[in-house]
Amino acid sequence: MEMKTRLIFQRYLALLKMTRSLIQYGELYTGDVKRETPRAGSEKTVSTAAAQSQFHTDLWLCFIVQNWILDFGRPIAMIIMPLEWFPLNKPSVGDYFHMAYNVITPFLLLKLIERSPTALPRSAVYLCIITFVMGASIHLVGDSINHRLILSGYQLHLSVRENPIIKDLKPASLIDSFELLYYYDEHLGHSMWYVPFFLILFLYFTGCFTQVKDEKMPYSGWLLLGPSAVYYWYLITEGQIFVLYVFTFFAMVATVMRQRRMGFVLDSNGRFLFYNFIITLGLVLVWVAYLWNDKVLRKKYPGIIYVPEPWSFYTLHIKGS
């Protein structure tokens, strides 16, 4: 009997130790900042931590350059390049830009995660990267066909059924096919593209906290802040992801408040991301206020959240003139 009781007690202790380990593991991956205290004389650990906490000028610059060229510049390149160089039955220059974006961006995101001062859940990161690539690839196909429709007279400020080149198609079931294409391009593709993208940024942000009170963003960060915020304005308005952006921003604010109570403050990279979101919010509000009384765009975006797309504004007010 004593032997059996002792065995049960030993198993209970083992279960407690296992539970404690799982709790510590869970805390590590839910945003709590846990930094290993380097042992005395461990210069390699100290130097690695210092390198990870430095401002990632190279990575942020790469993000900005490839975002402006491969994403923002993609439709512009398709407009500028002569149609004879890229026939409508072949991939356009914008398609090649999109292909490059689908390869380079996941690579940069993985490099960003590698430089995180804290360990992040690998399974979540891998799932986000896989979903991101799949969503961006869906958008590649939909956006490619959408560009060819624009060259044929498709008007972005109108709905699919109201477009002159589509509303009279026979049989009428073809219109349903174009609406399905629009759904894959603007809804499913954008969701699978942007949700994991912002989730990875948030996961990285949760590790950007330090107890060093005087760590500030360098001048290079302030120089990169403007073009980065303008791109995110374009991403949010053209991608129609204002709700996703707001939820991510609120989660970042809540994380900052929680970590401050624990004695942690944002490092330079965390400040760069946080300031990005703040400036972007201001730009979006200015954009919405400017187009608040536009009746045509109001008809296309009838919901409570009114955030017009820049390219819809282009086809309505600029292309015609």
C-alpha atoms as a PDB file:
ATOM      1  CA  MET A   1       0.000   0.000   0.000  1.00  0.00           C
ATOM      2  CA  GLU A   2       2.817   2.406   0.897  1.00  0.00           C
ATOM      3  CA  MET A   3       4.584   1.497  -2.348  1.00  0.00           C
ATOM      4  CA  LYS A   4       1.427   2.280  -4.330  1.00  0.00           C
ATOM      5  CA  THR A   5       0.914   5.605  -2.521  1.00  0.00           C
ATOM      6  CA  ARG A   6       4.543   6.571  -3.127  1.00  0.00           C
ATOM      7  CA  LEU A   7       4.206   5.732  -6.814  1.00  0.00           C
ATOM      8  CA  ILE A   8       1.060   7.872  -7.135  1.00  0.00           C
ATOM      9  CA  PHE A   9       2.813  10.753  -5.337  1.00  0.00           C
ATOM     10  CA  GLN A  10       5.817  10.517  -7.673  1.00  0.00           C
ATOM     11  CA  ARG A  11       3.554  10.557 -10.721  1.00  0.00           C
ATOM     12  CA  TYR A  12       1.709  13.568  -9.310  1.00  0.00           C
ATOM     13  CA  LEU A  13       5.006  15.444  -8.881  1.00  0.00           C
ATOM     14  CA  ALA A  14       6.021  14.544 -12.421  1.00  0.00           C
ATOM     15  CA  LEU A  15       2.661  15.835 -13.708  1.00  0.00           C
ATOM     16  CA  LEU A  16       3.140  19.107 -11.821  1.00  0.00           C
ATOM     17  CA  LYS A  17       6.592  19.572 -13.336  1.00  0.00           C
ATOM     18  CA  MET A  18       5.209  18.869 -16.813  1.00  0.00           C
ATOM     19  CA  THR A  19       2.351  21.348 -16.287  1.00  0.00           C
ATOM     20  CA  ARG A  20       4.784  23.999 -15.099  1.00  0.00           C
ATOM     21  CA  SER A  21       6.938  23.475 -18.187  1.00  0.00           C
ATOM     22  CA  LEU A  22       3.897  23.754 -20.475  1.00  0.00           C
ATOM     23  CA  ILE A  23       2.800  26.976 -18.757  1.00  0.00           C
ATOM     24  CA  GLN A  24       6.246  28.481 -19.213  1.00  0.00           C
ATOM     25  CA  TYR A  25       6.230  27.343 -22.848  1.00  0.00           C
ATOM     26  CA  GLY A  26       2.798  28.874 -23.385  1.00  0.00           C
ATOM     27  CA  GLU A  27       3.796  32.167 -21.800  1.00  0.00           C
ATOM     28  CA  LEU A  28       6.754  32.392 -24.142  1.00  0.00           C
ATOM     29  CA  TYR A  29       4.525  32.197 -27.189  1.00  0.00           C
ATOM     30  CA  THR A  30       1.666  34.425 -26.078  1.00  0.00           C
ATOM     31  CA  GLY A  31       3.640  37.612 -26.113  1.00  0.00           C
ATOM     32  CA  ASP A  32       5.322  37.625 -22.698  1.00  0.00           C
ATOM     33  CA  VAL A  33       8.862  38.846 -23.136  1.00  0.00           C
ATOM     34  CA  LYS A  34      11.286  36.384 -21.648  1.00  0.00           C
ATOM     35  CA  ARG A  35      14.945  37.022 -22.159  1.00  0.00           C
ATOM     36  CA  GLU A  36      17.618  34.667 -21.057  1.00  0.00           C
ATOM     37  CA  THR A  37      20.001  36.198 -18.583  1.00  0.00           C
ATOM     38  CA  PRO A  38      23.468  35.608 -19.978  1.00  0.00           C
ATOM     39  CA  ARG A  39      25.886  33.809 -17.723  1.00  0.00           C
ATOM     40  CA  ALA A  40      28.981  35.558 -16.506  1.00  0.00           C
ATOM     41  CA  GLY A  41      31.642  35.513 -19.192  1.00  0.00           C
ATOM     42  CA  SER A  42      29.214  34.545 -21.933  1.00  0.00           C
ATOM     43  CA  GLU A  43      30.334  37.212 -24.413  1.00  0.00           C
ATOM     44  CA  LYS A  44      28.821  35.395 -27.370  1.00  0.00           C
ATOM     45  CA  THR A  45      25.314  35.512 -25.866  1.00  0.00           C
ATOM     46  CA  VAL A  46      25.652  39.191 -25.025  1.00  0.00           C
ATOM     47  CA  SER A  47      26.915  40.089 -28.497  1.00  0.00           C
ATOM     48  CA  THR A  48      24.098  38.082 -30.138  1.00  0.00           C
ATOM     49  CA  ALA A  49      21.434  39.809 -28.051  1.00  0.00           C
ATOM     50  CA  ALA A  50      22.965  43.202 -28.797  1.00  0.00           C
ATOM     51  CA  ALA A  51      23.023  42.485 -32.529  1.00  0.00           C
ATOM     52  CA  GLN A  52      19.364  41.402 -32.467  1.00  0.00           C
ATOM     53  CA  SER A  53      18.277  44.538 -30.599  1.00  0.00           C
ATOM     54  CA  GLN A  54      19.951  46.915 -33.085  1.00  0.00           C
ATOM     55  CA  PHE A  55      17.802  48.770 -35.592  1.00  0.00           C
ATOM     56  CA  HIS A  56      17.368  46.659 -38.732  1.00  0.00           C
ATOM     57  CA  THR A  57      18.059  49.386 -41.283  1.00  0.00           C
ATOM     58  CA  ASP A  58      18.892  46.878 -44.008  1.00  0.00           C
ATOM     59  CA  LEU A  59      15.697  44.860 -43.594  1.00  0.00           C
ATOM     60  CA  TRP A  60      13.353  47.832 -43.301  1.00  0.00           C
ATOM     61  CA  LEU A  61      14.984  49.426 -46.358  1.00  0.00           C
ATOM     62  CA  CYS A  62      14.563  46.191 -48.335  1.00  0.00           C
ATOM     63  CA  PHE A  63      10.895  46.040 -47.323  1.00  0.00           C
ATOM     64  CA  ILE A  64      10.307  49.628 -48.456  1.00  0.00           C
ATOM     65  CA  VAL A  65      12.135  49.278 -51.790  1.00  0.00           C
ATOM     66  CA  GLN A  66      10.486  46.027 -52.807  1.00  0.00           C
ATOM     67  CA  ASN A  67       7.038  47.188 -51.615  1.00  0.00           C
ATOM     68  CA  TRP A  68       7.229  50.407 -53.616  1.00  0.00           C
ATOM     69  CA  ILE A  69       8.609  48.751 -56.748  1.00  0.00           C
ATOM     70  CA  LEU A  70       6.950  45.331 -56.803  1.00  0.00           C
ATOM     71  CA  ASP A  71       3.579  46.142 -55.209  1.00  0.00           C
ATOM     72  CA  PHE A  72       2.813  49.848 -55.605  1.00  0.00           C
ATOM     73  CA  GLY A  73       4.741  50.098 -58.876  1.00  0.00           C
ATOM     74  CA  ARG A  74       3.186  46.972 -60.370  1.00  0.00           C
ATOM     75  CA  PRO A  75       0.051  48.559 -61.904  1.00  0.00           C
ATOM     76  CA  ILE A  76       2.025  51.644 -62.914  1.00  0.00           C
ATOM     77  CA  ALA A  77       4.502  49.479 -64.824  1.00  0.00           C
ATOM     78  CA  MET A  78       1.620  47.735 -66.601  1.00  0.00           C
ATOM     79  CA  ILE A  79       0.265  51.112 -67.724  1.00  0.00           C
ATOM     80  CA  ILE A  80       3.631  52.483 -68.885  1.00  0.00           C
ATOM     81  CA  MET A  81       4.984  49.434 -70.705  1.00  0.00           C
ATOM     82  CA  PRO A  82       3.930  49.132 -74.380  1.00  0.00           C
ATOM     83  CA  LEU A  83       1.233  46.546 -74.916  1.00  0.00           C
ATOM     84  CA  GLU A  84       3.192  45.076 -77.853  1.00  0.00           C
ATOM     85  CA  TRP A  85       5.895  43.902 -75.455  1.00  0.00           C
ATOM     86  CA  PHE A  86       3.461  41.929 -73.312  1.00  0.00           C
ATOM     87  CA  PRO A  87       0.506  40.525 -75.324  1.00  0.00           C
ATOM     88  CA  LEU A  88      -2.759  40.004 -73.459  1.00  0.00           C
ATOM     89  CA  ASN A  89      -2.447  36.215 -73.727  1.00  0.00           C
ATOM     90  CA  LYS A  90       0.967  36.285 -72.015  1.00  0.00           C
ATOM     91  CA  PRO A  91       2.093  37.353 -68.518  1.00  0.00           C
ATOM     92  CA  SER A  92       2.501  41.122 -68.241  1.00  0.00           C
ATOM     93  CA  VAL A  93       5.345  43.021 -66.582  1.00  0.00           C
ATOM     94  CA  GLY A  94       3.071  43.428 -63.558  1.00  0.00           C
ATOM     95  CA  ASP A  95       2.694  39.660 -63.311  1.00  0.00           C
ATOM     96  CA  TYR A  96       6.464  39.257 -63.157  1.00  0.00           C
ATOM     97  CA  PHE A  97       6.590  41.971 -60.489  1.00  0.00           C
ATOM     98  CA  HIS A  98       3.969  40.057 -58.512  1.00  0.00           C
ATOM     99  CA  MET A  99       5.891  36.784 -58.868  1.00  0.00           C
ATOM    100  CA  ALA A 100       9.017  38.452 -57.518  1.00  0.00           C
ATOM    101  CA  TYR A 101       7.004  39.957 -54.650  1.00  0.00           C
ATOM    102  CA  ASN A 102       5.605  36.517 -53.747  1.00  0.00           C
ATOM    103  CA  VAL A 103       9.158  35.190 -53.359  1.00  0.00           C
ATOM    104  CA  ILE A 104      10.997  38.157 -51.832  1.00  0.00           C
ATOM    105  CA  THR A 105       8.434  39.184 -49.196  1.00  0.00           C
ATOM    106  CA  PRO A 106       8.206  35.773 -47.436  1.00  0.00           C
ATOM    107  CA  PHE A 107      12.015  35.645 -47.411  1.00  0.00           C
ATOM    108  CA  LEU A 108      12.223  39.095 -45.784  1.00  0.00           C
ATOM    109  CA  LEU A 109       9.556  38.135 -43.244  1.00  0.00           C
ATOM    110  CA  LEU A 110      11.531  35.032 -42.285  1.00  0.00           C
ATOM    111  CA  LYS A 111      14.706  37.110 -41.923  1.00  0.00           C
ATOM    112  CA  LEU A 112      12.773  39.556 -39.723  1.00  0.00           C
ATOM    113  CA  ILE A 113      11.560  36.723 -37.492  1.00  0.00           C
ATOM    114  CA  GLU A 114      15.116  35.378 -37.254  1.00  0.00           C
ATOM    115  CA  ARG A 115      16.250  38.708 -35.791  1.00  0.00           C
ATOM    116  CA  SER A 116      13.532  38.798 -33.160  1.00  0.00           C
ATOM    117  CA  PRO A 117      15.079  39.232 -29.671  1.00  0.00           C
ATOM    118  CA  THR A 118      12.691  36.569 -28.345  1.00  0.00           C
ATOM    119  CA  ALA A 119      11.803  33.122 -29.606  1.00  0.00           C
ATOM    120  CA  LEU A 120       8.561  33.054 -31.605  1.00  0.00           C
ATOM    121  CA  PRO A 121       6.301  30.038 -32.296  1.00  0.00           C
ATOM    122  CA  ARG A 122       7.743  28.397 -35.383  1.00  0.00           C
ATOM    123  CA  SER A 123       4.571  26.516 -36.285  1.00  0.00           C
ATOM    124  CA  ALA A 124       2.543  29.747 -36.323  1.00  0.00           C
ATOM    125  CA  VAL A 125       5.211  31.507 -38.393  1.00  0.00           C
ATOM    126  CA  TYR A 126       5.390  28.674 -40.937  1.00  0.00           C
ATOM    127  CA  LEU A 127       1.586  28.503 -41.280  1.00  0.00           C
ATOM    128  CA  CYS A 128       1.448  32.267 -41.784  1.00  0.00           C
ATOM    129  CA  ILE A 129       4.140  32.159 -44.466  1.00  0.00           C
ATOM    130  CA  ILE A 130       2.433  29.278 -46.307  1.00  0.00           C
ATOM    131  CA  THR A 131      -0.960  31.012 -46.192  1.00  0.00           C
ATOM    132  CA  PHE A 132       0.614  34.302 -47.262  1.00  0.00           C
ATOM    133  CA  VAL A 133       2.194  32.735 -50.356  1.00  0.00           C
ATOM    134  CA  MET A 134      -1.047  30.972 -51.276  1.00  0.00           C
ATOM    135  CA  GLY A 135      -3.133  34.142 -50.879  1.00  0.00           C
ATOM    136  CA  ALA A 136      -0.660  36.276 -52.820  1.00  0.00           C
ATOM    137  CA  SER A 137      -0.632  33.658 -55.599  1.00  0.00           C
ATOM    138  CA  ILE A 138      -4.443  33.688 -55.806  1.00  0.00           C
ATOM    139  CA  HIS A 139      -4.304  37.464 -56.039  1.00  0.00           C
ATOM    140  CA  LEU A 140      -1.647  37.214 -58.767  1.00  0.00           C
ATOM    141  CA  VAL A 141      -4.048  35.371 -61.076  1.00  0.00           C
ATOM    142  CA  GLY A 142      -7.055  37.545 -60.279  1.00  0.00           C
ATOM    143  CA  ASP A 143      -5.103  40.786 -60.580  1.00  0.00           C
ATOM    144  CA  SER A 144      -3.584  39.695 -63.901  1.00  0.00           C
ATOM    145  CA  ILE A 145      -7.004  39.097 -65.461  1.00  0.00           C
ATOM    146  CA  ASN A 146      -8.348  42.262 -63.856  1.00  0.00           C
ATOM    147  CA  HIS A 147      -5.625  44.311 -65.574  1.00  0.00           C
ATOM    148  CA  ARG A 148      -6.598  42.886 -68.951  1.00  0.00           C
ATOM    149  CA  LEU A 149     -10.217  43.807 -68.256  1.00  0.00           C
ATOM    150  CA  ILE A 150      -9.143  47.390 -67.500  1.00  0.00           C
ATOM    151  CA  LEU A 151      -7.393  47.568 -70.875  1.00  0.00           C
ATOM    152  CA  SER A 152     -10.675  46.452 -72.446  1.00  0.00           C
ATOM    153  CA  GLY A 153     -12.697  49.179 -70.732  1.00  0.00           C
ATOM    154  CA  TYR A 154     -13.450  47.771 -67.277  1.00  0.00           C
ATOM    155  CA  GLN A 155     -14.093  50.578 -64.756  1.00  0.00           C
ATOM    156  CA  LEU A 156     -12.848  49.955 -61.228  1.00  0.00           C
ATOM    157  CA  HIS A 157     -15.198  52.462 -59.599  1.00  0.00           C
ATOM    158  CA  LEU A 158     -18.211  50.389 -60.710  1.00  0.00           C
ATOM    159  CA  SER A 159     -19.343  46.996 -59.467  1.00  0.00           C
ATOM    160  CA  VAL A 160     -18.912  43.915 -61.662  1.00  0.00           C
ATOM    161  CA  ARG A 161     -22.543  43.827 -62.850  1.00  0.00           C
ATOM    162  CA  GLU A 162     -22.626  47.577 -63.539  1.00  0.00           C
ATOM    163  CA  ASN A 163     -19.557  47.588 -65.802  1.00  0.00           C
ATOM    164  CA  PRO A 164     -20.413  48.327 -69.454  1.00  0.00           C
ATOM    165  CA  ILE A 165     -18.229  45.530 -70.850  1.00  0.00           C
ATOM    166  CA  ILE A 166     -19.771  42.886 -68.561  1.00  0.00           C
ATOM    167  CA  LYS A 167     -23.440  43.719 -67.894  1.00  0.00           C
ATOM    168  CA  ASP A 168     -24.548  42.677 -71.407  1.00  0.00           C
ATOM    169  CA  LEU A 169     -22.592  39.406 -71.597  1.00  0.00           C
ATOM    170  CA  LYS A 170     -24.420  36.351 -72.917  1.00  0.00           C
ATOM    171  CA  PRO A 171     -25.092  33.897 -71.417  1.00  0.00           C
ATOM    172  CA  ALA A 172     -25.767  35.709 -68.144  1.00  0.00           C
ATOM    173  CA  SER A 173     -23.924  32.994 -66.203  1.00  0.00           C
ATOM    174  CA  LEU A 174     -20.666  34.527 -67.467  1.00  0.00           C
ATOM    175  CA  ILE A 175     -21.315  37.488 -65.178  1.00  0.00           C
ATOM    176  CA  ASP A 176     -21.380  35.089 -62.229  1.00  0.00           C
ATOM    177  CA  SER A 177     -17.974  33.808 -63.314  1.00  0.00           C
ATOM    178  CA  PHE A 178     -16.565  37.334 -63.323  1.00  0.00           C
ATOM    179  CA  GLU A 179     -18.059  37.969 -59.888  1.00  0.00           C
ATOM    180  CA  LEU A 180     -16.358  34.789 -58.679  1.00  0.00           C
ATOM    181  CA  LEU A 181     -13.085  36.061 -60.126  1.00  0.00           C
ATOM    182  CA  TYR A 182     -13.614  39.368 -58.305  1.00  0.00           C
ATOM    183  CA  TYR A 183     -14.268  37.466 -55.065  1.00  0.00           C
ATOM    184  CA  TYR A 184     -11.042  35.475 -55.410  1.00  0.00           C
ATOM    185  CA  ASP A 185      -9.090  38.627 -56.238  1.00  0.00           C
ATOM    186  CA  GLU A 186     -10.484  41.189 -53.785  1.00  0.00           C
ATOM    187  CA  HIS A 187     -11.768  39.072 -50.891  1.00  0.00           C
ATOM    188  CA  LEU A 188     -10.274  35.592 -50.592  1.00  0.00           C
ATOM    189  CA  GLY A 189      -6.895  36.513 -52.046  1.00  0.00           C
ATOM    190  CA  HIS A 190      -6.563  39.660 -49.950  1.00  0.00           C
ATOM    191  CA  SER A 191      -7.628  37.869 -46.753  1.00  0.00           C
ATOM    192  CA  MET A 192      -5.161  35.004 -47.200  1.00  0.00           C
ATOM    193  CA  TRP A 193      -2.486  37.522 -48.180  1.00  0.00           C
ATOM    194  CA  TYR A 194      -2.858  40.237 -45.556  1.00  0.00           C
ATOM    195  CA  VAL A 195      -4.070  38.387 -42.432  1.00  0.00           C
ATOM    196  CA  PRO A 196      -0.887  36.278 -42.106  1.00  0.00           C
ATOM    197  CA  PHE A 197       1.234  39.290 -43.110  1.00  0.00           C
ATOM    198  CA  PHE A 198      -0.068  41.434 -40.258  1.00  0.00           C
ATOM    199  CA  LEU A 199      -0.036  38.474 -37.879  1.00  0.00           C
ATOM    200  CA  ILE A 200       3.684  37.971 -38.519  1.00  0.00           C
ATOM    201  CA  LEU A 201       4.330  41.684 -37.958  1.00  0.00           C
ATOM    202  CA  PHE A 202       2.392  41.498 -34.685  1.00  0.00           C
ATOM    203  CA  LEU A 203       4.246  38.373 -33.535  1.00  0.00           C
ATOM    204  CA  TYR A 204       7.524  40.135 -34.231  1.00  0.00           C
ATOM    205  CA  PHE A 205       6.249  43.249 -32.433  1.00  0.00           C
ATOM    206  CA  THR A 206       5.538  41.264 -29.250  1.00  0.00           C
ATOM    207  CA  GLY A 207       9.254  40.542 -28.978  1.00  0.00           C
ATOM    208  CA  CYS A 208      10.376  44.151 -29.504  1.00  0.00           C
ATOM    209  CA  PHE A 209      10.515  45.115 -25.823  1.00  0.00           C
ATOM    210  CA  THR A 210      13.487  45.876 -23.622  1.00  0.00           C
ATOM    211  CA  GLN A 211      14.317  47.213 -20.176  1.00  0.00           C
ATOM    212  CA  VAL A 212      16.827  49.693 -21.616  1.00  0.00           C
ATOM    213  CA  LYS A 213      15.031  53.005 -21.109  1.00  0.00           C
ATOM    214  CA  ASP A 214      17.142  55.136 -23.457  1.00  0.00           C
ATOM    215  CA  GLU A 215      16.943  52.968 -26.605  1.00  0.00           C
ATOM    216  CA  LYS A 216      15.568  55.292 -29.273  1.00  0.00           C
ATOM    217  CA  MET A 217      15.017  55.032 -33.003  1.00  0.00           C
ATOM    218  CA  PRO A 218      18.055  56.182 -35.032  1.00  0.00           C
ATOM    219  CA  TYR A 219      17.978  58.864 -37.735  1.00  0.00           C
ATOM    220  CA  SER A 220      17.854  56.186 -40.428  1.00  0.00           C
ATOM    221  CA  GLY A 221      14.598  54.950 -38.911  1.00  0.00           C
ATOM    222  CA  TRP A 222      13.044  58.412 -39.034  1.00  0.00           C
ATOM    223  CA  LEU A 223      14.082  58.748 -42.687  1.00  0.00           C
ATOM    224  CA  LEU A 224      12.478  55.410 -43.560  1.00  0.00           C
ATOM    225  CA  LEU A 225       9.308  56.133 -41.601  1.00  0.00           C
ATOM    226  CA  GLY A 226       7.733  58.438 -44.215  1.00  0.00           C
ATOM    227  CA  PRO A 227       7.916  56.200 -47.309  1.00  0.00           C
ATOM    228  CA  SER A 228       7.018  53.163 -45.211  1.00  0.00           C
ATOM    229  CA  ALA A 229       3.876  54.777 -43.778  1.00  0.00           C
ATOM    230  CA  VAL A 230       2.763  56.030 -47.202  1.00  0.00           C
ATOM    231  CA  TYR A 231       3.062  52.500 -48.582  1.00  0.00           C
ATOM    232  CA  TYR A 232       1.006  51.079 -45.713  1.00  0.00           C
ATOM    233  CA  TRP A 233      -1.643  53.717 -46.463  1.00  0.00           C
ATOM    234  CA  TYR A 234      -1.760  52.376 -50.025  1.00  0.00           C
ATOM    235  CA  LEU A 235      -1.818  48.774 -48.776  1.00  0.00           C
ATOM    236  CA  ILE A 236      -4.745  49.390 -46.428  1.00  0.00           C
ATOM    237  CA  THR A 237      -6.859  51.455 -48.811  1.00  0.00           C
ATOM    238  CA  GLU A 238      -6.243  49.441 -51.982  1.00  0.00           C
ATOM    239  CA  GLY A 239      -6.405  46.118 -50.146  1.00  0.00           C
ATOM    240  CA  GLN A 240      -9.582  47.131 -48.274  1.00  0.00           C
ATOM    241  CA  ILE A 241      -8.174  45.830 -44.986  1.00  0.00           C
ATOM    242  CA  PHE A 242      -8.916  48.764 -42.692  1.00  0.00           C
ATOM    243  CA  VAL A 243     -10.674  46.533 -40.135  1.00  0.00           C
ATOM    244  CA  LEU A 244      -7.725  44.123 -40.036  1.00  0.00           C
ATOM    245  CA  TYR A 245      -5.352  47.059 -39.661  1.00  0.00           C
ATOM    246  CA  VAL A 246      -7.358  48.588 -36.796  1.00  0.00           C
ATOM    247  CA  PHE A 247      -7.538  45.288 -34.910  1.00  0.00           C
ATOM    248  CA  THR A 248      -3.780  44.826 -35.324  1.00  0.00           C
ATOM    249  CA  PHE A 249      -3.144  48.383 -34.145  1.00  0.00           C
ATOM    250  CA  PHE A 250      -5.352  47.936 -31.065  1.00  0.00           C
ATOM    251  CA  ALA A 251      -3.549  44.672 -30.271  1.00  0.00           C
ATOM    252  CA  MET A 252      -0.226  46.511 -30.510  1.00  0.00           C
ATOM    253  CA  VAL A 253      -1.479  49.280 -28.192  1.00  0.00           C
ATOM    254  CA  ALA A 254      -2.720  46.704 -25.671  1.00  0.00           C
ATOM    255  CA  THR A 255       0.636  44.915 -25.820  1.00  0.00           C
ATOM    256  CA  VAL A 256       2.529  48.163 -25.198  1.00  0.00           C
ATOM    257  CA  MET A 257       0.353  49.000 -22.179  1.00  0.00           C
ATOM    258  CA  ARG A 258       0.741  45.506 -20.738  1.00  0.00           C
ATOM    259  CA  GLN A 259       4.506  45.425 -21.178  1.00  0.00           C
ATOM    260  CA  ARG A 260       4.887  48.883 -19.631  1.00  0.00           C
ATOM    261  CA  ARG A 261       3.203  47.631 -16.470  1.00  0.00           C
ATOM    262  CA  MET A 262       5.826  44.868 -16.428  1.00  0.00           C
ATOM    263  CA  GLY A 263       8.658  47.385 -16.762  1.00  0.00           C
ATOM    264  CA  PHE A 264       9.431  46.924 -20.470  1.00  0.00           C
ATOM    265  CA  VAL A 265       9.538  49.555 -23.224  1.00  0.00           C
ATOM    266  CA  LEU A 266       9.693  49.337 -27.009  1.00  0.00           C
ATOM    267  CA  ASP A 267      13.078  48.972 -28.651  1.00  0.00           C
ATOM    268  CA  SER A 268      13.996  50.874 -31.822  1.00  0.00           C
ATOM    269  CA  ASN A 269      12.443  48.321 -34.194  1.00  0.00           C
ATOM    270  CA  GLY A 270       9.232  48.167 -32.178  1.00  0.00           C
ATOM    271  CA  ARG A 271       9.018  51.958 -32.214  1.00  0.00           C
ATOM    272  CA  PHE A 272       9.464  51.950 -35.994  1.00  0.00           C
ATOM    273  CA  LEU A 273       6.523  49.571 -36.439  1.00  0.00           C
ATOM    274  CA  PHE A 274       4.367  51.387 -33.891  1.00  0.00           C
ATOM    275  CA  TYR A 275       4.999  54.829 -35.384  1.00  0.00           C
ATOM    276  CA  ASN A 276       4.296  53.360 -38.827  1.00  0.00           C
ATOM    277  CA  PHE A 277       0.823  52.306 -37.749  1.00  0.00           C
ATOM    278  CA  ILE A 278       0.094  55.662 -36.089  1.00  0.00           C
ATOM    279  CA  ILE A 279       1.098  57.732 -39.144  1.00  0.00           C
ATOM    280  CA  THR A 280      -0.743  55.349 -41.471  1.00  0.00           C
ATOM    281  CA  LEU A 281      -3.935  55.786 -39.457  1.00  0.00           C
ATOM    282  CA  GLY A 282      -3.653  59.555 -39.879  1.00  0.00           C
ATOM    283  CA  LEU A 283      -3.125  59.228 -43.640  1.00  0.00           C
ATOM    284  CA  VAL A 284      -6.158  56.951 -44.013  1.00  0.00           C
ATOM    285  CA  LEU A 285      -8.357  59.377 -42.062  1.00  0.00           C
ATOM    286  CA  VAL A 286      -7.229  62.275 -44.282  1.00  0.00           C
ATOM    287  CA  TRP A 287      -7.947  60.182 -47.409  1.00  0.00           C
ATOM    288  CA  VAL A 288     -11.450  59.275 -46.211  1.00  0.00           C
ATOM    289  CA  ALA A 289     -12.215  62.877 -45.247  1.00  0.00           C
ATOM    290  CA  TYR A 290     -11.097  64.108 -48.688  1.00  0.00           C
ATOM    291  CA  LEU A 291     -13.459  61.712 -50.517  1.00  0.00           C
ATOM    292  CA  TRP A 292     -16.246  61.755 -47.942  1.00  0.00           C
ATOM    293  CA  ASN A 293     -18.817  63.428 -50.234  1.00  0.00           C
ATOM    294  CA  ASP A 294     -17.960  61.541 -53.443  1.00  0.00           C
ATOM    295  CA  LYS A 295     -21.341  60.107 -54.489  1.00  0.00           C
ATOM    296  CA  VAL A 296     -19.975  57.678 -57.102  1.00  0.00           C
ATOM    297  CA  LEU A 297     -17.441  56.104 -54.749  1.00  0.00           C
ATOM    298  CA  ARG A 298     -20.043  56.084 -51.981  1.00  0.00           C
ATOM    299  CA  LYS A 299     -22.194  53.894 -54.209  1.00  0.00           C
ATOM    300  CA  LYS A 300     -19.393  51.351 -54.682  1.00  0.00           C
ATOM    301  CA  TYR A 301     -18.458  51.345 -50.965  1.00  0.00           C
ATOM    302  CA  PRO A 302     -21.896  51.503 -49.301  1.00  0.00           C
ATOM    303  CA  GLY A 303     -20.956  49.931 -45.975  1.00  0.00           C
ATOM    304  CA  ILE A 304     -20.399  51.558 -42.608  1.00  0.00           C
ATOM    305  CA  ILE A 305     -16.643  51.620 -43.167  1.00  0.00           C
ATOM    306  CA  TYR A 306     -15.990  53.875 -46.152  1.00  0.00           C
ATOM    307  CA  VAL A 307     -12.394  53.579 -47.407  1.00  0.00           C
ATOM    308  CA  PRO A 308     -12.158  54.127 -51.199  1.00  0.00           C
ATOM    309  CA  GLU A 309      -9.440  52.420 -53.218  1.00  0.00           C
ATOM    310  CA  PRO A 310      -6.809  54.682 -54.845  1.00  0.00           C
ATOM    311  CA  TRP A 311      -7.152  52.962 -58.216  1.00  0.00           C
ATOM    312  CA  SER A 312     -10.927  53.422 -58.156  1.00  0.00           C
ATOM    313  CA  PHE A 313     -10.263  57.119 -57.606  1.00  0.00           C
ATOM    314  CA  TYR A 314      -7.817  57.002 -60.535  1.00  0.00           C
ATOM    315  CA  THR A 315     -10.253  55.451 -63.020  1.00  0.00           C
ATOM    316  CA  LEU A 316     -13.032  57.826 -61.922  1.00  0.00           C
ATOM    317  CA  HIS A 317     -11.300  61.208 -61.673  1.00  0.00           C
ATOM    318  CA  ILE A 318      -7.894  60.972 -63.386  1.00  0.00           C
ATOM    319  CA  LYS A 319      -7.970  58.444 -66.230  1.00  0.00           C
ATOM    320  CA  GLY A 320     -10.936  60.061 -67.970  1.00  0.00           C
ATOM    321  CA  SER A 321      -9.427  63.525 -67.881  1.00  0.00           C
END
